[in-house]
C-alpha atoms as a PDB file:
ATOM      1  CA  MET A   1      46.365  11.351-216.562  1.00  0.00           C
ATOM      2  CA  THR A   2      49.095  11.868-215.014  1.00  0.00           C
ATOM      3  CA  GLU A   3      49.289   9.500-212.403  1.00  0.00           C
ATOM      4  CA  THR A   4      51.969   6.684-213.160  1.00  0.00           C
ATOM      5  CA  ILE A   5      51.537   3.475-213.179  1.00  0.00           C
ATOM      6  CA  ALA A   6      54.106   2.578-210.318  1.00  0.00           C
ATOM      7  CA  SER A   7      52.332   4.599-208.293  1.00  0.00           C
ATOM      8  CA  ALA A   8      48.951   3.962-209.173  1.00  0.00           C
ATOM      9  CA  ALA A   9      49.735   0.587-208.771  1.00  0.00           C
ATOM     10  CA  GLY A  10      51.206   1.273-205.070  1.00  0.00           C
ATOM     11  CA  ARG A  11      48.434   2.692-204.751  1.00  0.00           C
ATOM     12  CA  PHE A  12      46.393   0.290-205.146  1.00  0.00           C
ATOM     13  CA  ILE A  13      48.356  -2.629-203.526  1.00  0.00           C
ATOM     14  CA  GLU A  14      48.562  -0.422-200.309  1.00  0.00           C
ATOM     15  CA  HIS A  15      44.615  -0.585-200.811  1.00  0.00           C
ATOM     16  CA  LYS A  16      44.376  -3.963-200.819  1.00  0.00           C
ATOM     17  CA  ARG A  17      46.558  -4.805-197.923  1.00  0.00           C
ATOM     18  CA  ALA A  18      44.494  -1.937-195.747  1.00  0.00           C
ATOM     19  CA  HIS A  19      41.862  -4.092-195.842  1.00  0.00           C
ATOM     20  CA  GLY A  20      43.619  -7.282-194.687  1.00  0.00           C
ATOM     21  CA  ARG A  21      44.491  -9.229-198.024  1.00  0.00           C
ATOM     22  CA  LYS A  22      48.187 -10.082-198.964  1.00  0.00           C
ATOM     23  CA  TYR A  23      48.409  -9.360-201.983  1.00  0.00           C
ATOM     24  CA  HIS A  24      51.620 -10.399-202.381  1.00  0.00           C
ATOM     25  CA  SER A  25      51.451 -12.341-205.783  1.00  0.00           C
ATOM     26  CA  GLU A  26      49.396  -9.392-207.132  1.00  0.00           C
ATOM     27  CA  ALA A  27      52.132  -6.617-206.760  1.00  0.00           C
ATOM     28  CA  ARG A  28      54.174  -8.528-208.110  1.00  0.00           C
ATOM     29  CA  GLU A  29      51.725  -8.780-211.575  1.00  0.00           C
ATOM     30  CA  LEU A  30      51.385  -5.027-211.365  1.00  0.00           C
ATOM     31  CA  ALA A  31      55.341  -4.858-210.815  1.00  0.00           C
ATOM     32  CA  LEU A  32      55.581  -6.657-213.944  1.00  0.00           C
ATOM     33  CA  LEU A  33      53.508  -4.865-216.087  1.00  0.00           C
ATOM     34  CA  VAL A  34      55.355  -1.601-215.107  1.00  0.00           C
ATOM     35  CA  ARG A  35      58.582  -2.540-216.308  1.00  0.00           C
ATOM     36  CA  PHE A  36      56.643  -4.082-219.589  1.00  0.00           C
ATOM     37  CA  ALA A  37      55.067  -0.148-220.098  1.00  0.00           C
ATOM     38  CA  ALA A  38      58.817   1.283-219.281  1.00  0.00           C
ATOM     39  CA  GLY A  39      59.947  -0.206-222.405  1.00  0.00           C
ATOM     40  CA  ARG A  40      57.922   0.980-224.271  1.00  0.00           C
ATOM     41  CA  ASP A  41      58.290   4.378-223.112  1.00  0.00           C
ATOM     42  CA  VAL A  42      54.922   4.301-221.432  1.00  0.00           C
ATOM     43  CA  SER A  43      54.581   5.591-218.014  1.00  0.00           C
ATOM     44  CA  CYS A  44      51.967   7.227-217.298  1.00  0.00           C
ATOM     45  CA  LEU A  45      48.304   5.767-217.214  1.00  0.00           C
ATOM     46  CA  GLY A  46      46.595   8.084-218.716  1.00  0.00           C
ATOM     47  CA  GLU A  47      49.342   6.225-222.189  1.00  0.00           C
ATOM     48  CA  LEU A  48      48.217   2.771-220.981  1.00  0.00           C
ATOM     49  CA  THR A  49      46.250   1.749-223.270  1.00  0.00           C
ATOM     50  CA  PRO A  50      43.637  -1.990-224.095  1.00  0.00           C
ATOM     51  CA  ALA A  51      45.739  -2.413-226.667  1.00  0.00           C
ATOM     52  CA  LEU A  52      49.335  -2.617-224.725  1.00  0.00           C
ATOM     53  CA  LEU A  53      47.683  -4.192-222.131  1.00  0.00           C
ATOM     54  CA  GLU A  54      46.867  -7.244-224.232  1.00  0.00           C
ATOM     55  CA  ASP A  55      50.340  -7.432-225.583  1.00  0.00           C
ATOM     56  CA  PHE A  56      51.465  -7.558-221.878  1.00  0.00           C
ATOM     57  CA  LEU A  57      48.747 -10.495-221.103  1.00  0.00           C
ATOM     58  CA  ALA A  58      49.497 -12.035-224.756  1.00  0.00           C
ATOM     59  CA  SER A  59      53.461 -11.702-223.176  1.00  0.00           C
ATOM     60  CA  ARG A  60      52.253 -13.909-220.576  1.00  0.00           C
ATOM     61  CA  PRO A  61      52.603 -17.599-220.931  1.00  0.00           C
ATOM     62  CA  ARG A  62      49.068 -19.167-220.771  1.00  0.00           C
ATOM     63  CA  LEU A  63      48.625 -20.522-216.825  1.00  0.00           C
ATOM     64  CA  LYS A  64      49.793 -16.763-216.133  1.00  0.00           C
ATOM     65  CA  ARG A  65      47.815 -15.131-218.232  1.00  0.00           C
ATOM     66  CA  ILE A  66      44.835 -16.180-217.178  1.00  0.00           C
ATOM     67  CA  GLN A  67      46.479 -15.585-213.633  1.00  0.00           C
ATOM     68  CA  TYR A  68      47.135 -12.151-213.932  1.00  0.00           C
ATOM     69  CA  ARG A  69      43.782 -10.503-215.582  1.00  0.00           C
ATOM     70  CA  PRO A  70      41.561 -11.254-211.573  1.00  0.00           C
ATOM     71  CA  ALA A  71      44.113  -8.497-210.079  1.00  0.00           C
ATOM     72  CA  LEU A  72      44.458  -6.674-213.405  1.00  0.00           C
ATOM     73  CA  ILE A  73      40.776  -6.028-214.079  1.00  0.00           C
ATOM     74  CA  GLY A  74      40.596  -5.172-210.434  1.00  0.00           C
ATOM     75  CA  PHE A  75      43.937  -1.889-210.739  1.00  0.00           C
ATOM     76  CA  LEU A  76      41.869  -0.992-213.527  1.00  0.00           C
ATOM     77  CA  ALA A  77      38.594  -0.791-212.138  1.00  0.00           C
ATOM     78  CA  GLN A  78      40.207   1.442-209.433  1.00  0.00           C
ATOM     79  CA  THR A  79      42.306   3.211-212.409  1.00  0.00           C
ATOM     80  CA  GLY A  80      40.140   3.941-214.004  1.00  0.00           C
ATOM     81  CA  LEU A  81      41.180   1.949-217.064  1.00  0.00           C
ATOM     82  CA  SER A  82      39.556  -1.031-219.069  1.00  0.00           C
ATOM     83  CA  LEU A  83      40.499  -3.328-221.079  1.00  0.00           C
ATOM     84  CA  GLU A  84      37.609  -2.863-223.715  1.00  0.00           C
ATOM     85  CA  PRO A  85      38.881  -0.108-226.179  1.00  0.00           C
ATOM     86  CA  GLU A  86      37.399   3.312-226.248  1.00  0.00           C
ATOM     87  CA  PRO A  87      34.192   3.265-229.228  1.00  0.00           C
ATOM     88  CA  PRO A  88      35.459   5.586-232.364  1.00  0.00           C
END
């Protein structure tokens, strides 16, 4: 996958908004993920690993971590990624 995380997140938000959802807080949450990944020199979807996603969630305060999961899981599902590591 050569698509960037930022463009995939943008498409995800546009898709949700096209169906009448506001998705303001989710857009901010995904922007934080994009910045977090960029801080670790990760920009392509193919480089987004379950370990990096877990690091991102761990970096958020506990109450915030719970709120991130639904938007993050929806984004991952639409992009074909998962929080689960691939079997060896």
